[in-house]
C-alpha atoms as a PDB file:
ATOM      1  CA  MET A   1     -26.219 -30.402 -10.111  1.00  0.00           C
ATOM      2  CA  THR A   2     -25.161 -32.560  -7.204  1.00  0.00           C
ATOM      3  CA  ASP A   3     -22.574 -35.236  -6.675  1.00  0.00           C
ATOM      4  CA  THR A   4     -24.187 -36.391  -3.428  1.00  0.00           C
ATOM      5  CA  SER A   5     -26.242 -39.560  -3.509  1.00  0.00           C
ATOM      6  CA  ALA A   6     -29.850 -39.406  -2.358  1.00  0.00           C
ATOM      7  CA  GLU A   7     -29.041 -41.769   0.530  1.00  0.00           C
ATOM      8  CA  THR A   8     -26.151 -39.607   1.747  1.00  0.00           C
ATOM      9  CA  GLU A   9     -28.300 -36.485   1.465  1.00  0.00           C
ATOM     10  CA  LYS A  10     -31.043 -38.194   3.485  1.00  0.00           C
ATOM     11  CA  ARG A  11     -28.581 -39.239   6.218  1.00  0.00           C
ATOM     12  CA  PHE A  12     -27.051 -35.765   6.370  1.00  0.00           C
ATOM     13  CA  ARG A  13     -30.474 -34.136   6.706  1.00  0.00           C
ATOM     14  CA  ALA A  14     -31.448 -36.580   9.466  1.00  0.00           C
ATOM     15  CA  MET A  15     -28.216 -35.796  11.351  1.00  0.00           C
ATOM     16  CA  LEU A  16     -28.800 -32.073  10.976  1.00  0.00           C
ATOM     17  CA  MET A  17     -32.422 -32.250  12.076  1.00  0.00           C
ATOM     18  CA  SER A  18     -31.490 -34.335  15.130  1.00  0.00           C
ATOM     19  CA  ARG A  19     -29.740 -31.265  16.541  1.00  0.00           C
ATOM     20  CA  SER A  20     -31.665 -28.781  18.631  1.00  0.00           C
ATOM     21  CA  GLY A  21     -32.889 -25.525  17.141  1.00  0.00           C
ATOM     22  CA  ALA A  22     -30.307 -23.655  19.202  1.00  0.00           C
ATOM     23  CA  GLU A  23     -27.495 -25.844  17.823  1.00  0.00           C
ATOM     24  CA  ARG A  24     -28.668 -25.314  14.245  1.00  0.00           C
ATOM     25  CA  LEU A  25     -28.878 -21.575  14.853  1.00  0.00           C
ATOM     26  CA  ARG A  26     -25.311 -21.539  16.242  1.00  0.00           C
ATOM     27  CA  MET A  27     -24.135 -23.461  13.181  1.00  0.00           C
ATOM     28  CA  GLY A  28     -25.809 -20.970  10.848  1.00  0.00           C
ATOM     29  CA  LEU A  29     -24.384 -17.996  12.725  1.00  0.00           C
ATOM     30  CA  GLY A  30     -20.931 -19.559  12.617  1.00  0.00           C
ATOM     31  CA  MET A  31     -21.208 -20.062   8.862  1.00  0.00           C
ATOM     32  CA  PHE A  32     -22.347 -16.464   8.390  1.00  0.00           C
ATOM     33  CA  ASP A  33     -19.438 -15.214  10.501  1.00  0.00           C
ATOM     34  CA  SER A  34     -16.978 -17.255   8.423  1.00  0.00           C
ATOM     35  CA  ALA A  35     -18.491 -15.959   5.170  1.00  0.00           C
ATOM     36  CA  ARG A  36     -18.295 -12.383   6.472  1.00  0.00           C
ATOM     37  CA  LYS A  37     -14.622 -12.783   7.395  1.00  0.00           C
ATOM     38  CA  LEU A  38     -13.792 -14.249   3.975  1.00  0.00           C
ATOM     39  CA  CYS A  39     -15.645 -11.464   2.170  1.00  0.00           C
ATOM     40  CA  LEU A  40     -13.992  -8.823   4.317  1.00  0.00           C
ATOM     41  CA  ALA A  41     -10.541 -10.269   3.616  1.00  0.00           C
ATOM     42  CA  GLY A  42     -11.255 -10.281  -0.122  1.00  0.00           C
ATOM     43  CA  THR A  43     -12.613  -6.729   0.003  1.00  0.00           C
ATOM     44  CA  LYS A  44      -9.521  -5.538   1.878  1.00  0.00           C
ATOM     45  CA  ALA A  45      -7.261  -7.254  -0.659  1.00  0.00           C
ATOM     46  CA  GLN A  46      -9.099  -5.570  -3.560  1.00  0.00           C
ATOM     47  CA  ASN A  47      -9.176  -2.174  -1.791  1.00  0.00           C
ATOM     48  CA  PRO A  48      -5.975  -1.951   0.259  1.00  0.00           C
ATOM     49  CA  GLY A  49      -6.334   1.760   1.024  1.00  0.00           C
ATOM     50  CA  ALA A  50     -10.000   1.644   2.024  1.00  0.00           C
ATOM     51  CA  SER A  51     -11.041   3.034   5.392  1.00  0.00           C
ATOM     52  CA  GLU A  52     -13.089   0.990   7.854  1.00  0.00           C
ATOM     53  CA  PRO A  53     -16.324   2.845   6.955  1.00  0.00           C
ATOM     54  CA  GLU A  54     -15.645   2.218   3.246  1.00  0.00           C
ATOM     55  CA  LEU A  55     -15.067  -1.465   3.938  1.00  0.00           C
ATOM     56  CA  LYS A  56     -18.331  -1.656   5.905  1.00  0.00           C
ATOM     57  CA  ARG A  57     -20.253  -0.101   3.003  1.00  0.00           C
ATOM     58  CA  LYS A  58     -18.644  -2.442   0.482  1.00  0.00           C
ATOM     59  CA  LEU A  59     -19.367  -5.450   2.664  1.00  0.00           C
ATOM     60  CA  PHE A  60     -22.990  -4.359   3.132  1.00  0.00           C
ATOM     61  CA  ALA A  61     -23.389  -3.928  -0.632  1.00  0.00           C
ATOM     62  CA  ARG A  62     -21.873  -7.335  -1.264  1.00  0.00           C
ATOM     63  CA  PHE A  63     -24.145  -9.134   1.204  1.00  0.00           C
ATOM     64  CA  TYR A  64     -27.380  -7.206   0.702  1.00  0.00           C
ATOM     65  CA  GLY A  65     -27.013  -5.270  -2.543  1.00  0.00           C
ATOM     66  CA  ASP A  66     -29.191  -7.655  -4.570  1.00  0.00           C
ATOM     67  CA  LEU A  67     -32.097  -7.102  -2.170  1.00  0.00           C
ATOM     68  CA  PHE A  68     -32.512  -3.397  -2.923  1.00  0.00           C
ATOM     69  CA  PRO A  69     -33.042  -1.448  -6.152  1.00  0.00           C
ATOM     70  CA  GLY A  70     -29.979   0.617  -7.150  1.00  0.00           C
ATOM     71  CA  PRO A  71     -31.212   4.021  -5.938  1.00  0.00           C
ATOM     72  CA  GLN A  72     -32.378   2.596  -2.621  1.00  0.00           C
ATOM     73  CA  LEU A  73     -29.054   0.835  -2.074  1.00  0.00           C
ATOM     74  CA  GLU A  74     -27.145   4.018  -2.882  1.00  0.00           C
ATOM     75  CA  LYS A  75     -29.277   5.950  -0.400  1.00  0.00           C
ATOM     76  CA  MET A  76     -28.596   3.342   2.293  1.00  0.00           C
ATOM     77  CA  LEU A  77     -24.855   3.349   1.604  1.00  0.00           C
ATOM     78  CA  LYS A  78     -24.805   7.139   1.706  1.00  0.00           C
ATOM     79  CA  GLY A  79     -26.568   6.996   5.077  1.00  0.00           C
ATOM     80  CA  MET A  80     -23.756   4.804   6.381  1.00  0.00           C
ATOM     81  CA  GLU A  81     -21.192   7.580   5.796  1.00  0.00           C
END
């Protein structure tokens, strides 16, 4: 579902593609950094007593957990201890 008209989407894509590859990469990295900070803040709020290593494991699981089967993810998280 989208509420953006095809013309607006076309203009947005043209504006985005007019930027250099380096600019688009910086934009993507900035968005990832913002998402990471938001997730970390939410994780801290849900787990107020968690240590930094625990928070790192929870953040890793939240970002990448769907990419690995359960046992493999658990092994990776254990390796982060």
